[in-house]
Protein backbone atom coordinates (compact mmCIF):
# COMPACT_ATOMS: atom_id res chain seq x y z
CA MET A 1 10.42 -24.05 20.89
CA LYS A 2 13.79 -22.54 19.87
CA SER A 3 14.70 -19.17 21.86
CA PHE A 4 15.51 -16.14 20.26
CA ARG A 5 16.90 -12.90 21.58
CA ILE A 6 14.84 -10.08 19.34
CA ALA A 7 15.43 -6.47 19.81
CA ILE A 8 11.94 -4.77 18.08
CA VAL A 9 12.57 -1.04 17.12
CA GLY A 10 9.78 0.90 16.81
CA PRO A 11 7.29 3.46 18.34
CA LEU A 12 4.70 2.73 21.46
CA PRO A 13 1.46 4.31 22.58
CA PRO A 14 0.54 7.14 22.96
CA PRO A 15 -0.48 8.04 20.34
CA SER A 16 -2.46 4.65 19.69
CA GLY A 17 -1.20 5.02 15.93
CA GLY A 18 -1.51 1.88 14.13
CA MET A 19 2.47 0.67 13.97
CA ALA A 20 2.42 1.97 17.64
CA ASN A 21 0.11 -0.71 18.61
CA GLN A 22 1.63 -3.17 16.17
CA THR A 23 5.14 -3.05 17.88
CA ARG A 24 3.51 -3.25 21.48
CA GLN A 25 1.08 -5.96 20.35
CA LEU A 26 4.37 -7.83 18.64
CA GLY A 27 6.22 -7.47 21.74
CA GLU A 28 4.19 -8.98 24.30
CA LEU A 29 2.61 -11.62 22.34
CA LEU A 30 6.57 -13.11 21.27
CA SER A 31 7.40 -12.60 25.07
CA GLY A 32 4.38 -14.53 25.62
CA GLU A 33 5.67 -17.17 22.98
CA GLY A 34 8.45 -17.50 25.27
CA LEU A 35 11.05 -15.30 22.94
CA GLU A 36 13.53 -13.01 24.90
CA VAL A 37 12.61 -9.45 23.62
CA LYS A 38 13.55 -5.81 24.39
CA VAL A 39 11.67 -2.90 22.56
CA VAL A 40 13.69 0.34 21.89
CA GLN A 41 11.38 2.92 21.42
CA VAL A 42 11.73 5.66 19.08
CA ASN A 43 8.64 8.06 20.78
CA ALA A 44 10.21 7.79 24.44
CA PRO A 45 9.31 10.64 26.31
CA TYR A 46 11.46 13.73 26.83
CA ARG A 47 13.26 13.93 29.93
CA PRO A 48 12.88 16.53 31.47
CA ALA A 49 9.56 17.13 29.63
CA TRP A 50 9.73 20.73 29.17
CA VAL A 51 12.62 20.09 26.28
CA GLY A 52 9.71 18.89 24.08
CA LYS A 53 8.77 22.41 23.63
CA LEU A 54 12.08 23.53 21.74
CA PRO A 55 12.39 21.90 18.75
CA LEU A 56 15.95 22.13 17.88
CA LEU A 57 16.98 20.83 21.68
CA ARG A 58 14.43 18.26 21.66
CA ALA A 59 16.03 16.50 18.68
CA PHE A 60 19.18 15.78 20.39
CA PHE A 61 17.52 15.00 23.69
CA ARG A 62 15.59 12.37 21.93
CA LEU A 63 18.24 11.20 19.32
CA ALA A 64 21.47 10.50 21.94
CA PRO A 65 19.54 8.27 24.47
CA TYR A 66 17.65 6.48 21.62
CA LEU A 67 21.57 5.62 19.87
CA PHE A 68 22.67 4.64 23.05
CA GLN A 69 19.48 2.15 23.70
CA LEU A 70 20.02 1.17 20.14
CA TRP A 71 23.51 0.15 20.93
CA ARG A 72 23.38 -1.61 24.15
CA ALA A 73 20.04 -3.80 22.51
CA ALA A 74 22.54 -4.51 18.98
CA GLY A 75 24.99 -6.03 22.08
CA TRP A 76 22.20 -8.28 23.08
CA ALA A 77 20.10 -9.42 20.34
CA GLN A 78 20.13 -11.71 17.62
CA VAL A 79 17.76 -10.13 15.61
CA PHE A 80 16.57 -6.34 14.97
CA HIS A 81 13.54 -6.13 13.73
CA VAL A 82 13.41 -2.63 12.45
CA MET A 83 9.38 -1.09 12.36
CA ALA A 84 9.85 1.40 9.54
CA ASN A 85 7.76 4.11 8.02
CA SER A 86 8.25 6.82 5.33
CA GLY A 87 9.89 10.42 5.81
CA TRP A 88 11.67 11.65 8.44
CA SER A 89 10.62 8.68 10.78
CA TRP A 90 12.53 6.54 8.34
CA HIS A 91 15.99 8.90 8.16
CA LEU A 92 16.15 9.31 12.35
CA PHE A 93 15.01 5.79 13.54
CA ALA A 94 14.97 2.88 10.90
CA ALA A 95 17.98 3.70 9.09
CA PRO A 96 20.14 4.43 12.09
CA ALA A 97 18.62 1.04 13.78
CA VAL A 98 19.60 -0.90 10.79
CA TRP A 99 23.28 0.60 10.76
CA MET A 100 23.79 0.26 14.14
CA ALA A 101 23.10 -3.48 13.86
CA ARG A 102 24.83 -4.31 11.08
CA LEU A 103 27.75 -2.16 12.94
CA ARG A 104 27.60 -4.84 15.75
CA GLY A 105 27.27 -7.84 13.21
CA LYS A 106 23.34 -8.76 13.85
CA ARG A 107 20.90 -9.84 11.31
CA VAL A 108 18.26 -7.10 10.41
CA ILE A 109 14.75 -7.21 9.67
CA ILE A 110 13.36 -4.33 8.15
CA ASN A 111 9.61 -4.02 8.93
CA TYR A 112 8.29 -1.85 6.28
CA ARG A 113 4.37 -0.44 7.14
CA GLY A 114 4.32 3.32 5.46
CA GLY A 115 1.04 4.02 3.07
CA SER A 116 3.33 6.53 1.35
CA ALA A 117 5.74 4.03 0.49
CA GLU A 118 5.18 4.76 -3.33
CA GLU A 119 6.07 8.58 -3.25
CA PHE A 120 8.97 7.90 -0.77
CA LEU A 121 10.91 5.70 -3.10
CA GLN A 122 10.64 8.09 -5.83
CA LYS A 123 11.79 10.97 -4.16
CA SER A 124 14.37 9.63 -2.01
CA TYR A 125 15.70 5.90 -3.10
CA PHE A 126 19.24 7.43 -3.81
CA TRP A 127 19.33 7.52 -0.18
CA ILE A 128 17.09 4.95 1.10
CA ARG A 129 18.45 2.02 -1.06
CA PRO A 130 21.98 1.55 0.86
CA THR A 131 19.84 1.02 3.91
CA LEU A 132 17.60 -1.15 2.37
CA LEU A 133 20.48 -3.49 1.09
CA ALA A 134 21.83 -3.70 4.35
CA ALA A 135 19.16 -5.33 5.66
CA ASP A 136 18.96 -8.91 5.65
CA LEU A 137 14.90 -9.49 5.17
CA THR A 138 12.40 -7.00 4.67
CA VAL A 139 8.78 -7.56 5.35
CA VAL A 140 5.52 -6.02 4.36
CA PRO A 141 2.18 -6.44 5.59
CA SER A 142 0.21 -6.58 2.57
CA GLY A 143 0.23 -7.04 -1.18
CA PHE A 144 0.18 -3.42 -2.00
CA LEU A 145 3.67 -2.60 -0.17
CA GLU A 146 4.92 -5.84 -1.74
CA ALA A 147 3.73 -4.73 -5.38
CA VAL A 148 5.54 -0.99 -4.42
CA PHE A 149 8.82 -2.50 -3.67
CA ALA A 150 8.91 -4.89 -6.33
CA LYS A 151 8.89 -2.05 -8.56
CA TRP A 152 12.06 -1.01 -7.30
CA LYS A 153 13.40 -4.63 -7.58
CA ILE A 154 13.69 -4.86 -3.79
CA ALA A 155 11.91 -8.38 -2.66
CA THR A 156 9.64 -8.71 0.40
CA LEU A 157 8.02 -11.06 2.40
CA ILE A 158 4.32 -10.63 3.55
CA ILE A 159 3.73 -11.19 7.14
CA PRO A 160 0.32 -9.10 7.75
CA ASN A 161 -1.14 -7.54 10.69
CA ILE A 162 -1.93 -9.07 13.71
CA ILE A 163 -5.64 -8.32 15.09
CA ASN A 164 -6.42 -9.36 18.70
CA LEU A 165 -9.52 -11.14 17.51
CA PRO A 166 -10.69 -11.66 21.34
CA ARG A 167 -11.13 -8.25 22.03
CA PHE A 168 -12.55 -7.17 18.90
CA ALA A 169 -15.11 -9.58 18.68
CA PRO A 170 -19.08 -8.91 17.41
CA THR A 171 -21.48 -8.32 20.22
CA GLY A 172 -24.15 -10.85 20.62
CA GLU A 173 -27.09 -8.25 21.36
CA ARG A 174 -27.74 -6.81 18.39
CA SER A 175 -28.65 -8.65 15.31
CA LYS A 176 -29.28 -5.75 12.85
CA LEU A 177 -28.18 -2.27 12.13
CA ASN A 178 -30.37 0.23 13.88
CA ALA A 179 -31.46 2.28 10.72
CA ASP A 180 -33.64 4.80 12.90
CA ALA A 181 -30.84 5.80 14.90
CA PRO A 182 -27.78 4.66 13.56
CA HIS A 183 -24.12 5.07 15.34
CA VAL A 184 -21.35 5.62 12.78
CA VAL A 185 -17.93 6.07 13.85
CA ILE A 186 -14.21 6.88 12.62
CA THR A 187 -11.48 6.05 14.47
CA ARG A 188 -8.29 7.19 13.03
CA ASN A 189 -6.00 9.94 14.35
CA LEU A 190 -7.06 13.62 13.73
CA GLU A 191 -4.63 14.37 10.66
CA PRO A 192 -4.61 15.63 7.18
CA ILE A 193 -3.97 12.01 5.59
CA TYR A 194 -7.16 10.49 7.30
CA ASP A 195 -9.22 13.15 6.14
CA ILE A 196 -11.38 13.48 8.65
CA PRO A 197 -13.47 16.66 7.12
CA THR A 198 -14.47 14.11 4.58
CA GLY A 199 -16.33 12.29 7.16
CA LEU A 200 -18.13 14.83 8.50
CA ARG A 201 -19.33 16.26 5.58
CA ALA A 202 -20.24 12.85 4.85
CA PHE A 203 -22.33 12.91 7.91
CA ALA A 204 -23.84 16.12 7.33
CA LEU A 205 -25.58 14.87 4.35
CA LEU A 206 -26.46 11.28 6.05
CA LEU A 207 -28.62 13.55 8.64
CA LYS A 208 -30.75 14.85 6.04
CA SER A 209 -32.41 11.44 5.49
CA PHE A 210 -31.15 10.16 9.25
CA PRO A 211 -31.81 12.79 11.69
CA LYS A 212 -31.07 10.64 14.65
CA ALA A 213 -28.03 9.56 13.41
CA ARG A 214 -24.98 10.15 15.60
CA LEU A 215 -21.37 10.49 14.79
CA THR A 216 -18.45 9.43 17.07
CA VAL A 217 -14.58 10.43 15.63
CA ALA A 218 -12.25 8.63 18.54
CA GLY A 219 -8.85 9.62 17.83
CA SER A 220 -6.08 12.52 18.91
CA GLY A 221 -4.03 14.97 16.95
CA PRO A 222 -3.71 18.65 15.70
CA ASP A 223 -6.66 18.84 13.59
CA ARG A 224 -9.02 18.40 16.28
CA ASP A 225 -9.92 22.16 17.08
CA VAL A 226 -10.32 22.28 13.09
CA LEU A 227 -12.84 19.43 12.48
CA GLU A 228 -14.84 20.86 15.79
CA ALA A 229 -15.29 24.03 13.73
CA LEU A 230 -16.07 22.60 10.64
CA ALA A 231 -18.76 20.16 12.75
CA ASN A 232 -20.10 23.92 14.27
CA LYS A 233 -20.05 24.98 10.65
CA LEU A 234 -21.68 22.23 9.16
CA GLY A 235 -24.43 22.36 11.74
CA ILE A 236 -24.00 18.81 13.15
CA ALA A 237 -21.85 19.25 16.17
CA GLY A 238 -24.74 18.06 18.20
CA SER A 239 -24.75 15.09 16.80
CA VAL A 240 -21.01 14.54 16.64
CA LYS A 241 -18.96 13.23 19.56
CA PHE A 242 -14.93 14.17 19.46
CA THR A 243 -13.59 11.40 22.38
CA GLY A 244 -9.90 11.96 22.10
CA ARG A 245 -7.57 9.53 22.30
CA LEU A 246 -9.18 5.76 23.71
CA GLU A 247 -7.31 2.74 24.85
CA LEU A 248 -7.51 -0.22 22.98
CA ALA A 249 -9.97 -1.31 25.44
CA GLU A 250 -12.48 1.73 25.18
CA ILE A 251 -11.96 1.28 21.04
CA ALA A 252 -13.18 -2.33 21.42
CA ALA A 253 -16.40 -0.80 23.76
CA LEU A 254 -17.23 1.72 20.90
CA TYR A 255 -17.00 -0.55 17.76
CA LYS A 256 -19.71 -2.81 20.06
CA SER A 257 -22.11 0.19 19.90
CA ALA A 258 -21.59 0.98 16.40
CA ASP A 259 -23.75 0.23 13.69
CA ILE A 260 -21.17 1.20 10.36
CA ALA A 261 -17.49 2.35 10.18
CA LEU A 262 -16.12 4.90 8.22
CA ASN A 263 -12.17 5.15 7.22
CA THR A 264 -11.70 8.25 5.09
CA SER A 265 -7.91 8.34 4.48
CA LEU A 266 -6.25 9.62 1.31
CA ILE A 267 -3.26 7.18 1.87
CA ASP A 268 -3.46 4.07 3.89
CA ASN A 269 -1.46 0.49 3.45
CA MET A 270 -3.29 -1.95 6.14
CA PRO A 271 -5.56 0.35 8.58
CA ASN A 272 -6.13 -1.48 11.86
CA SER A 273 -9.23 0.44 12.37
CA VAL A 274 -10.67 -1.19 9.25
CA LEU A 275 -9.51 -4.68 10.20
CA GLU A 276 -10.65 -4.33 13.94
CA SER A 277 -14.07 -2.99 13.04
CA LEU A 278 -14.38 -6.12 10.47
CA ALA A 279 -13.57 -8.46 13.50
CA SER A 280 -16.09 -6.80 15.49
CA GLY A 281 -19.05 -7.34 13.01
CA VAL A 282 -19.00 -3.20 11.91
CA PRO A 283 -19.32 -3.03 8.21
CA VAL A 284 -17.36 -0.60 7.18
CA VAL A 285 -17.31 2.16 4.33
CA SER A 286 -13.81 3.20 3.12
CA THR A 287 -11.75 4.94 0.32
CA ASN A 288 -10.14 2.87 -2.08
CA VAL A 289 -6.96 4.08 -1.38
CA GLY A 290 -3.76 2.65 -1.39
CA GLY A 291 -3.75 -0.93 0.39
CA VAL A 292 -7.44 -0.58 1.07
CA PRO A 293 -8.65 -2.73 -1.80
CA TYR A 294 -5.87 -5.30 -0.90
CA ILE A 295 -7.55 -6.15 2.58
CA VAL A 296 -11.32 -5.73 1.50
CA GLN A 297 -13.36 -6.08 -1.51
CA ASP A 298 -15.80 -3.33 -2.44
CA GLY A 299 -19.00 -5.12 -2.04
CA LYS A 300 -18.46 -8.61 -0.08
CA THR A 301 -16.28 -7.65 2.79
CA ALA A 302 -16.85 -3.55 2.36
CA LEU A 303 -18.20 -0.42 0.36
CA LEU A 304 -15.23 1.42 -1.56
CA VAL A 305 -15.90 4.70 -2.37
CA PRO A 306 -13.17 7.36 -4.13
CA PRO A 307 -11.38 9.24 -1.57
CA GLY A 308 -12.82 12.99 -1.03
CA ASP A 309 -15.83 12.19 -1.93
CA ALA A 310 -18.52 12.85 1.02
CA GLN A 311 -21.54 12.31 -1.46
CA ALA A 312 -19.75 8.82 -2.45
CA MET A 313 -19.58 7.73 1.17
CA SER A 314 -23.05 9.16 2.48
CA GLU A 315 -24.68 7.18 -0.12
CA ALA A 316 -22.95 3.96 0.63
CA VAL A 317 -23.65 4.57 4.47
CA ALA A 318 -27.18 4.88 3.55
CA THR A 319 -27.38 1.95 1.29
CA LEU A 320 -26.44 -0.12 4.28
CA LEU A 321 -28.91 1.18 6.24
CA HIS A 322 -31.57 0.53 3.83
CA ASP A 323 -30.13 -2.98 2.99
CA GLU A 324 -30.27 -5.01 5.66
CA SER A 325 -29.16 -8.31 3.61
CA LEU A 326 -26.13 -6.38 2.13
CA ALA A 327 -25.43 -5.40 5.78
CA GLN A 328 -25.35 -8.65 6.95
CA SER A 329 -23.66 -10.15 4.12
CA LEU A 330 -20.52 -7.90 4.73
CA ILE A 331 -20.71 -8.39 8.20
CA GLN A 332 -20.44 -12.51 8.09
CA ASN A 333 -17.97 -11.90 5.02
CA GLY A 334 -15.51 -9.53 7.13
CA LEU A 335 -15.42 -11.71 10.02
CA ALA A 336 -14.54 -14.54 7.70
CA SER A 337 -11.55 -12.52 6.32
CA VAL A 338 -10.09 -11.15 9.32
CA GLN A 339 -9.38 -14.54 10.78
CA ARG A 340 -6.09 -14.52 8.50
CA TYR A 341 -4.72 -11.91 11.16
CA SER A 342 -5.07 -13.83 14.22
CA TRP A 343 -1.74 -14.49 15.94
CA ALA A 344 -2.25 -17.71 15.69
CA ASN A 345 -1.89 -17.86 11.57
CA VAL A 346 0.77 -14.82 12.07
CA ARG A 347 2.81 -16.51 14.55
CA ASP A 348 4.34 -19.18 12.71
CA ALA A 349 5.07 -16.61 10.04
CA TRP A 350 7.24 -14.54 12.39
CA LEU A 351 9.01 -17.34 14.26
CA ALA A 352 10.34 -18.96 10.94
CA ALA A 353 11.61 -15.29 9.91
CA TYR A 354 13.30 -15.32 12.84
CA SER A 355 14.75 -18.91 12.90
CA GLU A 356 15.85 -18.40 9.21
CA GLN A 357 18.20 -15.06 10.29
CA THR A 358 19.51 -16.94 13.26
CA SER A 359 20.20 -20.11 11.32
CA VAL A 360 21.73 -18.31 9.19
CA ASP A 361 24.22 -16.29 11.26
CA GLN A 362 25.05 -19.48 13.33
CA ARG A 363 26.15 -20.80 9.86
CA SER A 364 28.10 -17.54 9.01
CA SER A 365 30.16 -17.94 12.31
CA ALA A 366 30.57 -21.71 12.02
CA SER A 367 32.00 -20.68 8.52
CA VAL A 368 34.79 -18.23 10.11
CA LYS A 369 35.70 -20.45 12.60
CA GLY A 370 36.14 -23.24 10.54
């Protein structure tokens, strides 16, 4: 197999967000295929650590070493693979990476993953457009983002997220949901866009019919104190556990103990938490926002409800607990649907993309010499 030198620019855990996990996983898997890979981390720890407490100074202490690492990586790599998101993440990290690669004559793949892409493009397209046009290829993980970029006449290639199916696998110990004392889980960061309060309110309603139910909220973020206060206010604190940040192996173990997974987000693209739940044999109740309807089908692989509707979410969970046949159907269909996200099915798409970029680069070099 042809070898490539790939610089992946993106965040790494902690925290264990979707893009950070995909960056780490892709780097490890590509290295396992024999490719030469360097990861340029956009969220490297502050050095010295106390700088992180100083808002203005910390920006310089992160940006300066980041630009230096980009310069070095661009001198080594054949292809820059830039993980991109909306907002300041784009302007501070993705855009500089693209232009550094262009400055040094390297091929650039923008791997855009933001669930709020449409809003971001509408608001900032004038500033974003030059960087998008500077890239040699724009890759998105879902048909949802393909459709968003098509509105702006930007061609994209779909290469989906990667799910570690051996890690997120169903347990053989439980043949049906525990309707007497169901374990409900939420595995998202504790941030406003993931609307964990609606999950808590839905669970409070569920407890009226299933008093032995318990909820585990796995994730870290700025809203933890507010969410714990809400759980107390709703009178459900004794049935809710906030675990904080968990490692991937701990998340996988949590799914094995779960009966139902909730995704309460207000904005989303291709949530790994939903795919990991399906791969673990856990039925999903999710909001029908953004790219979620592109990866699951209501009534076939998951149950979808409107965002912010705690009553609808609670009723959907209760439906699964009352209807074991429906739950098992969702589980089996979900397990079949996530096979497309295995590394075996995604690797060839990435290798083809890298091969095409390096081949173009070599043809261009030969043309110049000729």
